[in-house]
């Protein structure tokens, strides 16, 4: 995560500073598990699709 501003500040407008959001380790762990589950599911879906295509190509359909 970056703390670098994404755009230059506009002159004349007050700087809005929101309180920093504290991310706990359990939140990061939950995000990691979610990403791993999505990645595994996507990989299995793609592999199943390739296996189906190979099977259909082998049978001549």
PDB file of N, CA and C in Angstrom:
ATOM      1  N   UNK A   1       0.834  -1.168   0.000  1.00  0.00           N
ATOM      2  CA  UNK A   1       0.000   0.000   0.000  1.00  0.00           C
ATOM      3  C   UNK A   1       0.881   1.235   0.000  1.00  0.00           C
ATOM      4  N   UNK A   2       0.458   2.217  -0.734  1.00  0.00           N
ATOM      5  CA  UNK A   2       1.256   3.409  -0.876  1.00  0.00           C
ATOM      6  C   UNK A   2       0.592   4.571  -0.157  1.00  0.00           C
ATOM      7  N   UNK A   3       1.408   5.444   0.376  1.00  0.00           N
ATOM      8  CA  UNK A   3       0.885   6.654   1.003  1.00  0.00           C
ATOM      9  C   UNK A   3       1.125   7.860   0.108  1.00  0.00           C
ATOM     10  N   UNK A   4       1.576   7.612  -1.103  1.00  0.00           N
ATOM     11  CA  UNK A   4       1.828   8.675  -2.057  1.00  0.00           C
ATOM     12  C   UNK A   4       0.501   9.190  -2.592  1.00  0.00           C
ATOM     13  N   UNK A   5       0.300  10.505  -2.620  1.00  0.00           N
ATOM     14  CA  UNK A   5      -0.956  11.028  -3.161  1.00  0.00           C
ATOM     15  C   UNK A   5      -1.077  10.706  -4.646  1.00  0.00           C
ATOM     16  N   UNK A   6      -2.295  10.475  -5.103  1.00  0.00           N
ATOM     17  CA  UNK A   6      -2.508  10.090  -6.494  1.00  0.00           C
ATOM     18  C   UNK A   6      -2.636  11.288  -7.420  1.00  0.00           C
ATOM     19  N   UNK A   7      -2.955  12.440  -6.886  1.00  0.00           N
ATOM     20  CA  UNK A   7      -3.100  13.637  -7.711  1.00  0.00           C
ATOM     21  C   UNK A   7      -2.587  14.827  -6.907  1.00  0.00           C
ATOM     22  N   UNK A   8      -2.087  15.832  -7.599  1.00  0.00           N
ATOM     23  CA  UNK A   8      -1.626  17.015  -6.861  1.00  0.00           C
ATOM     24  C   UNK A   8      -2.805  17.729  -6.210  1.00  0.00           C
ATOM     25  N   UNK A   9      -2.534  18.353  -5.109  1.00  0.00           N
ATOM     26  CA  UNK A   9      -3.601  19.069  -4.395  1.00  0.00           C
ATOM     27  C   UNK A   9      -4.001  20.325  -5.166  1.00  0.00           C
ATOM     28  N   UNK A  10      -5.264  20.659  -5.100  1.00  0.00           N
ATOM     29  CA  UNK A  10      -5.788  21.836  -5.780  1.00  0.00           C
ATOM     30  C   UNK A  10      -5.589  23.033  -4.862  1.00  0.00           C
ATOM     31  N   UNK A  11      -5.033  24.103  -5.407  1.00  0.00           N
ATOM     32  CA  UNK A  11      -4.778  25.300  -4.615  1.00  0.00           C
ATOM     33  C   UNK A  11      -6.100  25.903  -4.159  1.00  0.00           C
ATOM     34  N   UNK A  12      -6.152  26.302  -2.908  1.00  0.00           N
ATOM     35  CA  UNK A  12      -7.339  26.966  -2.386  1.00  0.00           C
ATOM     36  C   UNK A  12      -8.289  26.035  -1.660  1.00  0.00           C
ATOM     37  N   UNK A  13      -8.153  24.723  -1.858  1.00  0.00           N
ATOM     38  CA  UNK A  13      -9.013  23.784  -1.158  1.00  0.00           C
ATOM     39  C   UNK A  13      -8.294  23.268   0.078  1.00  0.00           C
ATOM     40  N   UNK A  14      -9.008  23.155   1.189  1.00  0.00           N
ATOM     41  CA  UNK A  14      -8.352  22.635   2.392  1.00  0.00           C
ATOM     42  C   UNK A  14      -8.023  21.152   2.219  1.00  0.00           C
ATOM     43  N   UNK A  15      -6.951  20.747   2.820  1.00  0.00           N
ATOM     44  CA  UNK A  15      -6.547  19.339   2.757  1.00  0.00           C
ATOM     45  C   UNK A  15      -7.468  18.518   3.649  1.00  0.00           C
ATOM     46  N   UNK A  16      -8.062  17.517   3.069  1.00  0.00           N
ATOM     47  CA  UNK A  16      -8.953  16.637   3.817  1.00  0.00           C
ATOM     48  C   UNK A  16      -8.124  15.446   4.260  1.00  0.00           C
ATOM     49  N   UNK A  17      -8.018  15.290   5.552  1.00  0.00           N
ATOM     50  CA  UNK A  17      -7.230  14.159   6.035  1.00  0.00           C
ATOM     51  C   UNK A  17      -8.161  13.236   6.822  1.00  0.00           C
ATOM     52  N   UNK A  18      -8.379  12.079   6.254  1.00  0.00           N
ATOM     53  CA  UNK A  18      -9.200  11.076   6.921  1.00  0.00           C
ATOM     54  C   UNK A  18      -8.320  10.338   7.925  1.00  0.00           C
ATOM     55  N   UNK A  19      -8.924   9.852   8.985  1.00  0.00           N
ATOM     56  CA  UNK A  19      -8.121   9.097   9.941  1.00  0.00           C
ATOM     57  C   UNK A  19      -7.597   7.830   9.270  1.00  0.00           C
ATOM     58  N   UNK A  20      -6.362   7.465   9.568  1.00  0.00           N
ATOM     59  CA  UNK A  20      -5.799   6.278   8.914  1.00  0.00           C
ATOM     60  C   UNK A  20      -6.549   5.012   9.324  1.00  0.00           C
ATOM     61  N   UNK A  21      -6.768   4.167   8.348  1.00  0.00           N
ATOM     62  CA  UNK A  21      -7.468   2.907   8.600  1.00  0.00           C
ATOM     63  C   UNK A  21      -6.430   1.877   9.031  1.00  0.00           C
ATOM     64  N   UNK A  22      -6.663   1.292  10.176  1.00  0.00           N
ATOM     65  CA  UNK A  22      -5.733   0.294  10.685  1.00  0.00           C
ATOM     66  C   UNK A  22      -6.163  -1.065  10.178  1.00  0.00           C
ATOM     67  N   UNK A  23      -5.301  -1.693   9.394  1.00  0.00           N
ATOM     68  CA  UNK A  23      -5.580  -3.038   8.881  1.00  0.00           C
ATOM     69  C   UNK A  23      -4.960  -4.039   9.830  1.00  0.00           C
ATOM     70  N   UNK A  24      -5.772  -4.858  10.392  1.00  0.00           N
ATOM     71  CA  UNK A  24      -5.263  -5.881  11.303  1.00  0.00           C
ATOM     72  C   UNK A  24      -4.762  -7.076  10.502  1.00  0.00           C
ATOM     73  N   UNK A  25      -3.932  -7.873  11.139  1.00  0.00           N
ATOM     74  CA  UNK A  25      -3.352  -9.032  10.474  1.00  0.00           C
ATOM     75  C   UNK A  25      -4.444 -10.005  10.056  1.00  0.00           C
ATOM     76  N   UNK A  26      -5.491 -10.147  10.847  1.00  0.00           N
ATOM     77  CA  UNK A  26      -6.562 -11.081  10.465  1.00  0.00           C
ATOM     78  C   UNK A  26      -7.277 -10.626   9.206  1.00  0.00           C
ATOM     79  N   UNK A  27      -7.373  -9.314   8.984  1.00  0.00           N
ATOM     80  CA  UNK A  27      -7.987  -8.820   7.752  1.00  0.00           C
ATOM     81  C   UNK A  27      -7.103  -9.153   6.550  1.00  0.00           C
ATOM     82  N   UNK A  28      -5.802  -8.972   6.720  1.00  0.00           N
ATOM     83  CA  UNK A  28      -4.887  -9.305   5.636  1.00  0.00           C
ATOM     84  C   UNK A  28      -4.884 -10.807   5.375  1.00  0.00           C
ATOM     85  N   UNK A  29      -4.951 -11.600   6.447  1.00  0.00           N
ATOM     86  CA  UNK A  29      -4.980 -13.060   6.285  1.00  0.00           C
ATOM     87  C   UNK A  29      -6.252 -13.489   5.563  1.00  0.00           C
ATOM     88  N   UNK A  30      -7.373 -12.868   5.899  1.00  0.00           N
ATOM     89  CA  UNK A  30      -8.637 -13.194   5.228  1.00  0.00           C
ATOM     90  C   UNK A  30      -8.556 -12.837   3.749  1.00  0.00           C
ATOM     91  N   UNK A  31      -7.945 -11.696   3.435  1.00  0.00           N
ATOM     92  CA  UNK A  31      -7.779 -11.308   2.031  1.00  0.00           C
ATOM     93  C   UNK A  31      -6.894 -12.301   1.283  1.00  0.00           C
ATOM     94  N   UNK A  32      -5.837 -12.763   1.943  1.00  0.00           N
ATOM     95  CA  UNK A  32      -4.935 -13.727   1.314  1.00  0.00           C
ATOM     96  C   UNK A  32      -5.650 -15.038   1.046  1.00  0.00           C
ATOM     97  N   UNK A  33      -6.424 -15.510   2.025  1.00  0.00           N
ATOM     98  CA  UNK A  33      -7.166 -16.770   1.845  1.00  0.00           C
ATOM     99  C   UNK A  33      -8.188 -16.628   0.724  1.00  0.00           C
ATOM    100  N   UNK A  34      -8.851 -15.494   0.653  1.00  0.00           N
ATOM    101  CA  UNK A  34      -9.823 -15.257  -0.416  1.00  0.00           C
ATOM    102  C   UNK A  34      -9.133 -15.269  -1.778  1.00  0.00           C
ATOM    103  N   UNK A  35      -7.989 -14.611  -1.876  1.00  0.00           N
ATOM    104  CA  UNK A  35      -7.254 -14.591  -3.130  1.00  0.00           C
ATOM    105  C   UNK A  35      -6.777 -15.991  -3.520  1.00  0.00           C
ATOM    106  N   UNK A  36      -6.307 -16.761  -2.540  1.00  0.00           N
ATOM    107  CA  UNK A  36      -5.845 -18.122  -2.833  1.00  0.00           C
ATOM    108  C   UNK A  36      -7.004 -19.007  -3.296  1.00  0.00           C
ATOM    109  N   UNK A  37      -8.166 -18.864  -2.668  1.00  0.00           N
ATOM    110  CA  UNK A  37      -9.328 -19.663  -3.065  1.00  0.00           C
ATOM    111  C   UNK A  37      -9.766 -19.289  -4.479  1.00  0.00           C
ATOM    112  N   UNK A  38      -9.795 -17.994  -4.775  1.00  0.00           N
ATOM    113  CA  UNK A  38     -10.167 -17.557  -6.124  1.00  0.00           C
ATOM    114  C   UNK A  38      -9.172 -18.086  -7.153  1.00  0.00           C
ATOM    115  N   UNK A  39      -7.889 -18.003  -6.837  1.00  0.00           N
ATOM    116  CA  UNK A  39      -6.863 -18.472  -7.756  1.00  0.00           C
ATOM    117  C   UNK A  39      -6.976 -19.973  -7.998  1.00  0.00           C
ATOM    118  N   UNK A  40      -7.202 -20.726  -6.937  1.00  0.00           N
ATOM    119  CA  UNK A  40      -7.338 -22.179  -7.080  1.00  0.00           C
ATOM    120  C   UNK A  40      -8.561 -22.527  -7.909  1.00  0.00           C
ATOM    121  N   UNK A  41      -9.674 -21.859  -7.645  1.00  0.00           N
ATOM    122  CA  UNK A  41     -10.902 -22.119  -8.397  1.00  0.00           C
ATOM    123  C   UNK A  41     -10.718 -21.772  -9.871  1.00  0.00           C
ATOM    124  N   UNK A  42     -10.083 -20.659 -10.141  1.00  0.00           N
ATOM    125  CA  UNK A  42      -9.840 -20.262 -11.532  1.00  0.00           C
ATOM    126  C   UNK A  42      -8.938 -21.268 -12.242  1.00  0.00           C
ATOM    127  N   UNK A  43      -7.903 -21.712 -11.555  1.00  0.00           N
ATOM    128  CA  UNK A  43      -6.980 -22.677 -12.160  1.00  0.00           C
ATOM    129  C   UNK A  43      -7.676 -23.992 -12.471  1.00  0.00           C
ATOM    130  N   UNK A  44      -8.506 -24.456 -11.555  1.00  0.00           N
ATOM    131  CA  UNK A  44      -9.225 -25.715 -11.778  1.00  0.00           C
ATOM    132  C   UNK A  44     -10.207 -25.555 -12.939  1.00  0.00           C
ATOM    133  N   UNK A  45     -10.872 -24.414 -13.027  1.00  0.00           N
ATOM    134  CA  UNK A  45     -11.821 -24.184 -14.116  1.00  0.00           C
ATOM    135  C   UNK A  45     -11.113 -24.168 -15.468  1.00  0.00           C
ATOM    136  N   UNK A  46      -9.974 -23.494 -15.541  1.00  0.00           N
ATOM    137  CA  UNK A  46      -9.229 -23.430 -16.799  1.00  0.00           C
ATOM    138  C   UNK A  46      -8.699 -24.817 -17.167  1.00  0.00           C
ATOM    139  N   UNK A  47      -8.166 -25.545 -16.183  1.00  0.00           N
ATOM    140  CA  UNK A  47      -7.645 -26.890 -16.459  1.00  0.00           C
ATOM    141  C   UNK A  47      -8.759 -27.824 -16.914  1.00  0.00           C
ATOM    142  N   UNK A  48      -9.937 -27.708 -16.302  1.00  0.00           N
ATOM    143  CA  UNK A  48     -11.079 -28.527 -16.716  1.00  0.00           C
ATOM    144  C   UNK A  48     -11.498 -28.190 -18.146  1.00  0.00           C
ATOM    145  N   UNK A  49     -11.488 -26.908 -18.479  1.00  0.00           N
ATOM    146  CA  UNK A  49     -11.812 -26.503 -19.846  1.00  0.00           C
ATOM    147  C   UNK A  49     -10.841 -27.068 -20.858  1.00  0.00           C
ATOM    148  N   UNK A  50      -9.548 -27.016 -20.545  1.00  0.00           N
ATOM    149  CA  UNK A  50      -8.545 -27.588 -21.449  1.00  0.00           C
ATOM    150  C   UNK A  50      -8.712 -29.100 -21.569  1.00  0.00           C
ATOM    151  N   UNK A  51      -9.006 -29.760 -20.457  1.00  0.00           N
ATOM    152  CA  UNK A  51      -9.205 -31.200 -20.483  1.00  0.00           C
ATOM    153  C   UNK A  51     -10.418 -31.559 -21.339  1.00  0.00           C
ATOM    154  N   UNK A  52     -11.484 -30.797 -21.232  1.00  0.00           N
ATOM    155  CA  UNK A  52     -12.674 -31.025 -22.044  1.00  0.00           C
ATOM    156  C   UNK A  52     -12.370 -30.813 -23.524  1.00  0.00           C
ATOM    157  N   UNK A  53     -11.632 -29.737 -23.834  1.00  0.00           N
ATOM    158  CA  UNK A  53     -11.263 -29.495 -25.231  1.00  0.00           C
ATOM    159  C   UNK A  53     -10.391 -30.623 -25.781  1.00  0.00           C
ATOM    160  N   UNK A  54      -9.444 -31.100 -24.982  1.00  0.00           N
ATOM    161  CA  UNK A  54      -8.589 -32.202 -25.435  1.00  0.00           C
ATOM    162  C   UNK A  54      -9.402 -33.472 -25.649  1.00  0.00           C
ATOM    163  N   UNK A  55     -10.353 -33.724 -24.760  1.00  0.00           N
ATOM    164  CA  UNK A  55     -11.179 -34.912 -24.903  1.00  0.00           C
ATOM    165  C   UNK A  55     -12.046 -34.820 -26.170  1.00  0.00           C
ATOM    166  N   UNK A  56     -12.640 -33.653 -26.402  1.00  0.00           N
ATOM    167  CA  UNK A  56     -13.474 -33.472 -27.593  1.00  0.00           C
ATOM    168  C   UNK A  56     -12.633 -33.570 -28.867  1.00  0.00           C
ATOM    169  N   UNK A  57     -11.418 -33.060 -28.836  1.00  0.00           N
ATOM    170  CA  UNK A  57     -10.554 -33.141 -30.007  1.00  0.00           C
ATOM    171  C   UNK A  57     -10.128 -34.571 -30.270  1.00  0.00           C
ATOM    172  N   UNK A  58      -9.939 -35.327 -29.216  1.00  0.00           N
ATOM    173  CA  UNK A  58      -9.513 -36.721 -29.363  1.00  0.00           C
ATOM    174  C   UNK A  58     -10.641 -37.582 -29.916  1.00  0.00           C
ATOM    175  N   UNK A  59     -11.879 -37.303 -29.524  1.00  0.00           N
ATOM    176  CA  UNK A  59     -13.016 -38.101 -30.001  1.00  0.00           C
ATOM    177  C   UNK A  59     -13.445 -37.695 -31.408  1.00  0.00           C
ATOM    178  N   UNK A  60     -12.964 -36.572 -31.900  1.00  0.00           N
ATOM    179  CA  UNK A  60     -13.265 -36.158 -33.261  1.00  0.00           C
ATOM    180  C   UNK A  60     -14.557 -35.391 -33.409  1.00  0.00           C
ATOM    181  N   UNK A  61     -15.057 -34.810 -32.369  1.00  0.00           N
ATOM    182  CA  UNK A  61     -16.297 -34.026 -32.449  1.00  0.00           C
ATOM    183  C   UNK A  61     -16.044 -32.606 -32.760  1.00  0.00           C
TER     184      UNK A  61
END
